N, C-alpha and C. Protein backbone atom coordinates (compact mmCIF):
# COMPACT_ATOMS: atom_id res chain seq x y z
N MET A 1 -142.26 165.15 -102.23
CA MET A 1 -140.86 165.36 -101.97
C MET A 1 -140.59 166.85 -101.89
N ARG A 2 -139.75 167.26 -100.98
CA ARG A 2 -139.40 168.67 -100.85
C ARG A 2 -138.44 169.06 -101.96
N ARG A 3 -138.53 170.27 -102.40
CA ARG A 3 -137.62 170.77 -103.42
C ARG A 3 -136.39 171.35 -102.73
N ILE A 4 -135.23 170.94 -103.18
CA ILE A 4 -133.98 171.43 -102.62
C ILE A 4 -133.46 172.53 -103.54
N LEU A 5 -133.23 173.69 -102.97
CA LEU A 5 -132.68 174.80 -103.74
C LEU A 5 -131.17 174.73 -103.70
N ALA A 6 -130.56 174.78 -104.87
CA ALA A 6 -129.11 174.74 -104.94
C ALA A 6 -128.55 176.08 -104.48
N GLY A 7 -127.52 176.03 -103.69
CA GLY A 7 -126.90 177.26 -103.22
C GLY A 7 -125.43 177.03 -103.00
N ALA A 8 -124.70 178.08 -102.95
CA ALA A 8 -123.27 177.95 -102.73
C ALA A 8 -123.01 177.84 -101.24
N LEU A 9 -122.30 176.83 -100.86
CA LEU A 9 -121.93 176.64 -99.46
C LEU A 9 -120.42 176.78 -99.38
N PHE A 10 -119.96 177.50 -98.38
CA PHE A 10 -118.54 177.76 -98.26
C PHE A 10 -118.06 177.43 -96.86
N VAL A 11 -116.83 176.98 -96.78
CA VAL A 11 -116.18 176.80 -95.49
C VAL A 11 -114.91 177.64 -95.52
N ILE A 12 -114.46 178.03 -94.36
CA ILE A 12 -113.25 178.84 -94.27
C ILE A 12 -112.06 177.90 -94.07
N ALA A 13 -111.07 178.04 -94.93
CA ALA A 13 -109.87 177.21 -94.83
C ALA A 13 -108.67 178.11 -94.53
N GLY A 14 -107.89 177.73 -93.55
CA GLY A 14 -106.70 178.48 -93.22
C GLY A 14 -105.53 178.00 -94.06
N THR A 15 -104.46 178.75 -94.07
CA THR A 15 -103.25 178.33 -94.77
C THR A 15 -102.17 178.07 -93.74
N ALA A 16 -101.15 177.37 -94.16
CA ALA A 16 -100.08 176.99 -93.24
C ALA A 16 -99.17 178.17 -92.90
N ALA A 17 -99.10 179.15 -93.76
CA ALA A 17 -98.21 180.28 -93.52
C ALA A 17 -98.72 181.13 -92.36
N ALA A 18 -97.81 181.51 -91.50
CA ALA A 18 -98.19 182.34 -90.35
C ALA A 18 -98.66 183.70 -90.85
N GLY A 19 -99.76 184.16 -90.30
CA GLY A 19 -100.29 185.47 -90.66
C GLY A 19 -100.98 185.53 -92.01
N ALA A 20 -101.12 184.39 -92.69
CA ALA A 20 -101.78 184.39 -93.99
C ALA A 20 -103.27 184.64 -93.80
N SER A 21 -103.87 185.32 -94.75
CA SER A 21 -105.29 185.61 -94.64
C SER A 21 -106.12 184.36 -94.94
N GLN A 22 -107.32 184.31 -94.37
CA GLN A 22 -108.22 183.20 -94.64
C GLN A 22 -109.08 183.55 -95.84
N ARG A 23 -109.48 182.52 -96.59
CA ARG A 23 -110.31 182.75 -97.76
C ARG A 23 -111.40 181.70 -97.83
N ALA A 24 -112.47 182.04 -98.53
CA ALA A 24 -113.57 181.10 -98.69
C ALA A 24 -113.22 180.07 -99.76
N VAL A 25 -113.42 178.81 -99.45
CA VAL A 25 -113.14 177.73 -100.38
C VAL A 25 -114.46 177.01 -100.64
N PRO A 26 -114.92 176.98 -101.88
CA PRO A 26 -116.19 176.30 -102.14
C PRO A 26 -116.07 174.80 -101.90
N SER A 27 -117.08 174.25 -101.32
CA SER A 27 -117.13 172.82 -101.06
C SER A 27 -118.47 172.31 -101.57
N PRO A 28 -118.48 171.36 -102.51
CA PRO A 28 -119.77 170.89 -103.00
C PRO A 28 -120.55 170.20 -101.89
N PRO A 29 -121.83 170.48 -101.77
CA PRO A 29 -122.62 169.88 -100.70
C PRO A 29 -122.98 168.44 -100.98
N LEU A 30 -123.12 167.67 -99.93
CA LEU A 30 -123.70 166.34 -99.99
C LEU A 30 -125.19 166.56 -99.79
N THR A 31 -126.00 166.05 -100.70
CA THR A 31 -127.45 166.23 -100.61
C THR A 31 -128.10 164.89 -100.30
N ILE A 32 -129.03 164.88 -99.34
CA ILE A 32 -129.76 163.66 -99.01
C ILE A 32 -131.25 164.00 -98.93
N VAL A 33 -132.05 163.25 -99.69
CA VAL A 33 -133.50 163.48 -99.77
C VAL A 33 -134.24 162.15 -99.68
N GLY A 34 -135.54 162.23 -99.61
CA GLY A 34 -136.36 161.01 -99.59
C GLY A 34 -136.78 160.64 -98.18
N GLU A 35 -136.65 159.36 -97.87
CA GLU A 35 -137.15 158.79 -96.62
C GLU A 35 -136.20 159.03 -95.44
N VAL A 36 -135.90 160.32 -95.21
CA VAL A 36 -135.15 160.76 -94.03
C VAL A 36 -135.98 161.86 -93.35
N ARG A 37 -135.75 162.07 -92.09
CA ARG A 37 -136.57 163.02 -91.34
C ARG A 37 -136.31 164.49 -91.71
N THR A 38 -135.07 164.84 -92.06
CA THR A 38 -134.74 166.22 -92.39
C THR A 38 -133.91 166.25 -93.67
N PRO A 39 -134.55 166.17 -94.84
CA PRO A 39 -133.80 166.20 -96.09
C PRO A 39 -133.08 167.53 -96.25
N GLY A 40 -131.96 167.51 -96.94
CA GLY A 40 -131.24 168.75 -97.19
C GLY A 40 -129.81 168.53 -97.60
N GLN A 41 -129.02 169.57 -97.46
CA GLN A 41 -127.62 169.56 -97.86
C GLN A 41 -126.73 169.76 -96.65
N SER A 42 -125.54 169.17 -96.71
CA SER A 42 -124.53 169.43 -95.69
C SER A 42 -123.17 169.41 -96.35
N VAL A 43 -122.24 170.13 -95.73
CA VAL A 43 -120.88 170.20 -96.24
C VAL A 43 -120.04 169.20 -95.47
N THR A 44 -119.21 168.47 -96.20
CA THR A 44 -118.29 167.53 -95.56
C THR A 44 -116.92 167.67 -96.20
N GLN A 45 -115.91 167.70 -95.38
CA GLN A 45 -114.55 167.81 -95.89
C GLN A 45 -113.87 166.46 -96.02
N GLN A 46 -114.51 165.42 -95.50
CA GLN A 46 -113.95 164.07 -95.61
C GLN A 46 -115.09 163.09 -95.85
N PRO A 47 -114.77 161.92 -96.39
CA PRO A 47 -115.82 160.94 -96.67
C PRO A 47 -116.62 160.58 -95.41
N LEU A 48 -117.91 160.33 -95.61
CA LEU A 48 -118.82 159.95 -94.52
C LEU A 48 -119.37 158.55 -94.78
N THR A 49 -119.66 157.83 -93.73
CA THR A 49 -120.41 156.59 -93.90
C THR A 49 -121.86 156.96 -94.22
N ILE A 50 -122.58 156.03 -94.79
CA ILE A 50 -124.01 156.26 -95.05
C ILE A 50 -124.71 156.53 -93.72
N GLU A 51 -124.36 155.77 -92.70
CA GLU A 51 -124.98 155.95 -91.38
C GLU A 51 -124.79 157.38 -90.86
N ALA A 52 -123.58 157.93 -91.02
CA ALA A 52 -123.30 159.29 -90.53
C ALA A 52 -124.10 160.33 -91.33
N ALA A 53 -124.20 160.14 -92.63
CA ALA A 53 -124.95 161.08 -93.46
C ALA A 53 -126.43 161.05 -93.11
N VAL A 54 -126.97 159.86 -92.89
CA VAL A 54 -128.39 159.73 -92.52
C VAL A 54 -128.62 160.33 -91.13
N ALA A 55 -127.67 160.16 -90.23
CA ALA A 55 -127.80 160.76 -88.90
C ALA A 55 -127.86 162.29 -89.00
N ARG A 56 -127.04 162.89 -89.88
CA ARG A 56 -127.09 164.34 -90.10
C ARG A 56 -128.45 164.77 -90.63
N ALA A 57 -129.13 163.86 -91.34
CA ALA A 57 -130.45 164.16 -91.91
C ALA A 57 -131.58 163.74 -90.98
N GLY A 58 -131.28 163.52 -89.73
CA GLY A 58 -132.31 163.22 -88.74
C GLY A 58 -132.71 161.78 -88.62
N GLY A 59 -132.08 160.90 -89.38
CA GLY A 59 -132.39 159.47 -89.32
C GLY A 59 -133.38 159.06 -90.40
N PHE A 60 -133.53 157.76 -90.56
CA PHE A 60 -134.46 157.20 -91.54
C PHE A 60 -135.90 157.36 -91.07
N THR A 61 -136.83 157.42 -92.02
CA THR A 61 -138.24 157.25 -91.69
C THR A 61 -138.51 155.76 -91.62
N ALA A 62 -139.68 155.38 -91.18
CA ALA A 62 -140.03 153.97 -91.05
C ALA A 62 -140.04 153.25 -92.40
N ASP A 63 -140.28 153.98 -93.49
CA ASP A 63 -140.39 153.35 -94.81
C ASP A 63 -139.07 153.19 -95.55
N ALA A 64 -137.99 153.72 -95.04
CA ALA A 64 -136.71 153.67 -95.74
C ALA A 64 -136.25 152.24 -95.95
N ALA A 65 -135.85 151.92 -97.20
CA ALA A 65 -135.41 150.56 -97.50
C ALA A 65 -134.16 150.52 -98.38
N VAL A 66 -134.06 151.43 -99.34
CA VAL A 66 -132.97 151.40 -100.32
C VAL A 66 -132.34 152.78 -100.43
N ILE A 67 -131.02 152.81 -100.49
CA ILE A 67 -130.30 154.06 -100.64
C ILE A 67 -129.73 154.11 -102.06
N GLU A 68 -130.10 155.14 -102.82
CA GLU A 68 -129.56 155.36 -104.16
C GLU A 68 -128.53 156.48 -104.05
N ILE A 69 -127.32 156.21 -104.53
CA ILE A 69 -126.24 157.18 -104.46
C ILE A 69 -125.86 157.57 -105.88
N ARG A 70 -125.94 158.87 -106.16
CA ARG A 70 -125.54 159.39 -107.47
C ARG A 70 -124.23 160.16 -107.28
N ARG A 71 -123.22 159.76 -108.06
CA ARG A 71 -121.89 160.39 -107.96
C ARG A 71 -121.45 160.83 -109.35
N HIS A 72 -120.90 162.03 -109.43
CA HIS A 72 -120.48 162.60 -110.71
C HIS A 72 -119.49 161.66 -111.40
N SER A 73 -119.70 161.40 -112.69
CA SER A 73 -118.84 160.49 -113.45
C SER A 73 -117.39 160.92 -113.45
N SER A 74 -117.14 162.22 -113.50
CA SER A 74 -115.76 162.71 -113.52
C SER A 74 -115.14 162.72 -112.13
N GLY A 75 -115.94 162.47 -111.11
CA GLY A 75 -115.45 162.47 -109.74
C GLY A 75 -115.41 163.84 -109.11
N ALA A 76 -115.81 164.87 -109.84
CA ALA A 76 -115.77 166.23 -109.30
C ALA A 76 -117.09 166.94 -109.56
N GLY A 77 -117.46 167.79 -108.64
CA GLY A 77 -118.68 168.57 -108.82
C GLY A 77 -119.87 167.96 -108.11
N ALA A 78 -120.88 168.79 -107.96
CA ALA A 78 -122.08 168.36 -107.25
C ALA A 78 -123.14 167.85 -108.22
N ILE A 79 -123.90 166.91 -107.77
CA ILE A 79 -125.05 166.38 -108.51
C ILE A 79 -126.30 167.02 -107.92
N THR A 80 -127.25 167.39 -108.77
CA THR A 80 -128.54 167.90 -108.32
C THR A 80 -129.63 167.01 -108.90
N ALA A 81 -130.86 167.29 -108.53
CA ALA A 81 -131.99 166.52 -109.07
C ALA A 81 -132.12 166.70 -110.58
N ASP A 82 -131.57 167.80 -111.12
CA ASP A 82 -131.67 168.09 -112.55
C ASP A 82 -130.48 167.62 -113.37
N THR A 83 -129.47 167.04 -112.74
CA THR A 83 -128.29 166.58 -113.48
C THR A 83 -128.66 165.42 -114.40
N PRO A 84 -128.30 165.48 -115.68
CA PRO A 84 -128.62 164.38 -116.61
C PRO A 84 -127.95 163.07 -116.16
N ALA A 85 -128.65 161.96 -116.34
CA ALA A 85 -128.15 160.65 -115.92
C ALA A 85 -126.83 160.28 -116.59
N SER A 86 -126.56 160.85 -117.74
CA SER A 86 -125.31 160.54 -118.44
C SER A 86 -124.09 161.13 -117.73
N GLN A 87 -124.30 161.99 -116.74
CA GLN A 87 -123.19 162.65 -116.06
C GLN A 87 -122.88 162.07 -114.69
N TYR A 88 -123.57 161.01 -114.28
CA TYR A 88 -123.28 160.41 -112.98
C TYR A 88 -123.41 158.90 -113.01
N HIS A 89 -122.77 158.27 -112.02
CA HIS A 89 -122.89 156.83 -111.79
C HIS A 89 -123.88 156.64 -110.65
N THR A 90 -124.63 155.56 -110.69
CA THR A 90 -125.60 155.27 -109.64
C THR A 90 -125.23 153.97 -108.93
N MET A 91 -125.28 153.99 -107.62
CA MET A 91 -125.06 152.81 -106.79
C MET A 91 -126.29 152.62 -105.90
N TYR A 92 -126.62 151.38 -105.60
CA TYR A 92 -127.74 151.09 -104.70
C TYR A 92 -127.22 150.27 -103.53
N VAL A 93 -127.72 150.62 -102.34
CA VAL A 93 -127.37 149.90 -101.13
C VAL A 93 -128.65 149.67 -100.35
N SER A 94 -128.86 148.43 -99.91
CA SER A 94 -130.01 148.11 -99.07
C SER A 94 -129.78 148.69 -97.68
N ARG A 95 -130.84 149.16 -97.05
CA ARG A 95 -130.73 149.69 -95.69
C ARG A 95 -130.13 148.63 -94.76
N ALA A 96 -130.46 147.38 -94.99
CA ALA A 96 -129.95 146.30 -94.16
C ALA A 96 -128.44 146.11 -94.30
N ASP A 97 -127.86 146.61 -95.40
CA ASP A 97 -126.43 146.41 -95.67
C ASP A 97 -125.56 147.63 -95.43
N ILE A 98 -126.11 148.72 -94.88
CA ILE A 98 -125.31 149.95 -94.80
C ILE A 98 -124.14 149.89 -93.84
N ASN A 99 -124.16 148.99 -92.88
CA ASN A 99 -123.02 148.92 -91.98
C ASN A 99 -122.06 147.80 -92.37
N ALA A 100 -122.25 147.24 -93.56
CA ALA A 100 -121.32 146.24 -94.07
C ALA A 100 -120.06 146.93 -94.58
N GLN A 101 -118.93 146.21 -94.57
CA GLN A 101 -117.67 146.80 -95.02
C GLN A 101 -117.73 147.21 -96.49
N SER A 102 -118.59 146.60 -97.26
CA SER A 102 -118.66 146.90 -98.69
C SER A 102 -119.49 148.15 -99.00
N ALA A 103 -120.18 148.71 -98.02
CA ALA A 103 -120.99 149.91 -98.26
C ALA A 103 -120.08 151.07 -98.62
N PRO A 104 -120.41 151.81 -99.67
CA PRO A 104 -119.54 152.92 -100.09
C PRO A 104 -119.59 154.09 -99.11
N PHE A 105 -118.51 154.87 -99.12
CA PHE A 105 -118.48 156.12 -98.37
C PHE A 105 -119.09 157.22 -99.23
N LEU A 106 -119.64 158.23 -98.60
CA LEU A 106 -120.22 159.37 -99.31
C LEU A 106 -119.26 160.55 -99.21
N ALA A 107 -119.31 161.40 -100.24
CA ALA A 107 -118.42 162.56 -100.28
C ALA A 107 -119.20 163.78 -100.74
N GLY A 108 -118.61 164.95 -100.55
CA GLY A 108 -119.22 166.18 -101.05
C GLY A 108 -119.52 166.06 -102.53
N GLY A 109 -120.70 166.52 -102.93
CA GLY A 109 -121.12 166.43 -104.33
C GLY A 109 -122.05 165.27 -104.60
N ASP A 110 -122.07 164.26 -103.71
CA ASP A 110 -122.98 163.12 -103.91
C ASP A 110 -124.42 163.56 -103.70
N PHE A 111 -125.33 162.93 -104.42
CA PHE A 111 -126.77 163.15 -104.27
C PHE A 111 -127.36 161.82 -103.86
N VAL A 112 -127.94 161.77 -102.67
CA VAL A 112 -128.42 160.52 -102.07
C VAL A 112 -129.94 160.58 -101.96
N ILE A 113 -130.59 159.54 -102.48
CA ILE A 113 -132.04 159.42 -102.39
C ILE A 113 -132.36 158.17 -101.61
N VAL A 114 -133.04 158.33 -100.47
CA VAL A 114 -133.45 157.20 -99.67
C VAL A 114 -134.88 156.86 -100.09
N LYS A 115 -135.07 155.63 -100.56
CA LYS A 115 -136.35 155.22 -101.13
C LYS A 115 -137.01 154.14 -100.28
N ALA A 116 -138.33 154.07 -100.41
CA ALA A 116 -139.08 153.02 -99.73
C ALA A 116 -138.83 151.67 -100.39
N ARG A 117 -138.59 151.69 -101.69
CA ARG A 117 -138.24 150.47 -102.44
C ARG A 117 -137.55 150.88 -103.73
N LEU A 118 -136.91 149.90 -104.35
CA LEU A 118 -136.18 150.17 -105.60
C LEU A 118 -137.10 150.33 -106.77
């Protein structure tokens, strides 16, 4: 497995006031690793489907079967490979079920591991 280095990712957000200056707003990255072609991090400002997140990561490898989603228990902040299990909730989705209505949406800060099996 490739090692993902944590880094600060920023997007520029404008303000509604005319002539207001722009400032950097930190956005926690969505991280996807495992059985995808291009593991890594991406910034998202709105929830993504699992399919969209996997597409950003180059698609599934042939062995992909189960998606493990780790989300911060408090609902805020990013999860990394080193985050203690007591600080996040884990959900599992079968690759066969990702386009079902019950499949969860992904958000910034989620840590997604695509596995060959559970």
